[in-house]
Amino acid sequence: MSNDERAQEPEDLTRLFVERANAGDPAGIAALYEEQAVMAYPPGSQTVARRHPCV
């Protein structure tokens, strides 16, 4: 899967995330986020920066 497609509208992010997750593409998911992004999901946990053990 190409990681080149970027979200143009906020609604695009969900679609791109789901497409890449369904494709088993953790690098593609990570590419959707800024280098220092903070994701608080599930509630009570945080992932900081664009890192994934599979990337």
C-alpha atoms as a PDB file:
ATOM      1  CA  MET A   1       0.000   0.000   0.000  1.00  0.00           C
ATOM      2  CA  SER A   2       1.214   3.501  -0.755  1.00  0.00           C
ATOM      3  CA  ASN A   3       1.878   5.740   2.229  1.00  0.00           C
ATOM      4  CA  ASP A   4       1.877   8.795  -0.044  1.00  0.00           C
ATOM      5  CA  GLU A   5      -1.823   9.651   0.221  1.00  0.00           C
ATOM      6  CA  ARG A   6      -2.354  12.361   2.817  1.00  0.00           C
ATOM      7  CA  ALA A   7      -5.542  13.497   4.501  1.00  0.00           C
ATOM      8  CA  GLN A   8      -6.862  16.592   2.745  1.00  0.00           C
ATOM      9  CA  GLU A   9      -9.867  16.944   5.051  1.00  0.00           C
ATOM     10  CA  PRO A  10     -10.225  15.805   8.673  1.00  0.00           C
ATOM     11  CA  GLU A  11     -12.684  13.123   7.526  1.00  0.00           C
ATOM     12  CA  ASP A  12      -9.975  11.540   5.349  1.00  0.00           C
ATOM     13  CA  LEU A  13      -7.903  10.538   8.370  1.00  0.00           C
ATOM     14  CA  THR A  14     -10.393   7.912   9.549  1.00  0.00           C
ATOM     15  CA  ARG A  15     -10.649   6.363   6.081  1.00  0.00           C
ATOM     16  CA  LEU A  16      -6.881   6.255   5.613  1.00  0.00           C
ATOM     17  CA  PHE A  17      -6.356   4.806   9.098  1.00  0.00           C
ATOM     18  CA  VAL A  18      -8.919   2.034   8.492  1.00  0.00           C
ATOM     19  CA  GLU A  19      -7.552   1.213   5.021  1.00  0.00           C
ATOM     20  CA  ARG A  20      -4.001   0.887   6.345  1.00  0.00           C
ATOM     21  CA  ALA A  21      -5.064  -1.050   9.444  1.00  0.00           C
ATOM     22  CA  ASN A  22      -7.048  -3.500   7.311  1.00  0.00           C
ATOM     23  CA  ALA A  23      -4.023  -3.894   5.032  1.00  0.00           C
ATOM     24  CA  GLY A  24      -1.795  -4.721   8.022  1.00  0.00           C
ATOM     25  CA  ASP A  25       0.348  -1.652   7.318  1.00  0.00           C
ATOM     26  CA  PRO A  26       1.678  -0.226  10.622  1.00  0.00           C
ATOM     27  CA  ALA A  27       4.223   1.944   8.791  1.00  0.00           C
ATOM     28  CA  GLY A  28       1.383   3.422   6.750  1.00  0.00           C
ATOM     29  CA  ILE A  29      -0.585   4.178   9.905  1.00  0.00           C
ATOM     30  CA  ALA A  30       2.460   5.803  11.528  1.00  0.00           C
ATOM     31  CA  ALA A  31       2.954   7.962   8.420  1.00  0.00           C
ATOM     32  CA  LEU A  32      -0.429   9.597   9.068  1.00  0.00           C
ATOM     33  CA  TYR A  33       0.892  11.255  12.227  1.00  0.00           C
ATOM     34  CA  GLU A  34       3.328  14.103  12.846  1.00  0.00           C
ATOM     35  CA  GLU A  35       6.707  13.120  14.315  1.00  0.00           C
ATOM     36  CA  GLN A  36       5.773  14.256  17.842  1.00  0.00           C
ATOM     37  CA  ALA A  37       2.075  13.361  17.785  1.00  0.00           C
ATOM     38  CA  VAL A  38       0.415  12.127  20.978  1.00  0.00           C
ATOM     39  CA  MET A  39      -2.374   9.585  20.652  1.00  0.00           C
ATOM     40  CA  ALA A  40      -4.464   8.924  23.766  1.00  0.00           C
ATOM     41  CA  TYR A  41      -6.209   5.685  22.843  1.00  0.00           C
ATOM     42  CA  PRO A  42      -7.386   3.568  24.483  1.00  0.00           C
ATOM     43  CA  PRO A  43      -8.394   5.952  27.261  1.00  0.00           C
ATOM     44  CA  GLY A  44      -5.790   6.051  30.001  1.00  0.00           C
ATOM     45  CA  SER A  45      -2.830   5.251  27.754  1.00  0.00           C
ATOM     46  CA  GLN A  46      -0.639   7.350  25.467  1.00  0.00           C
ATOM     47  CA  THR A  47       1.546   6.720  22.463  1.00  0.00           C
ATOM     48  CA  VAL A  48       4.012   9.584  22.033  1.00  0.00           C
ATOM     49  CA  ALA A  49       5.833  10.307  18.777  1.00  0.00           C
ATOM     50  CA  ARG A  50       5.508   8.430  15.537  1.00  0.00           C
ATOM     51  CA  ARG A  51       6.888   5.086  16.666  1.00  0.00           C
ATOM     52  CA  HIS A  52       5.637   1.573  16.271  1.00  0.00           C
ATOM     53  CA  PRO A  53       7.544  -1.606  17.124  1.00  0.00           C
ATOM     54  CA  CYS A  54       6.945  -2.931  13.605  1.00  0.00           C
ATOM     55  CA  VAL A  55       8.185   0.215  11.822  1.00  0.00           C
END
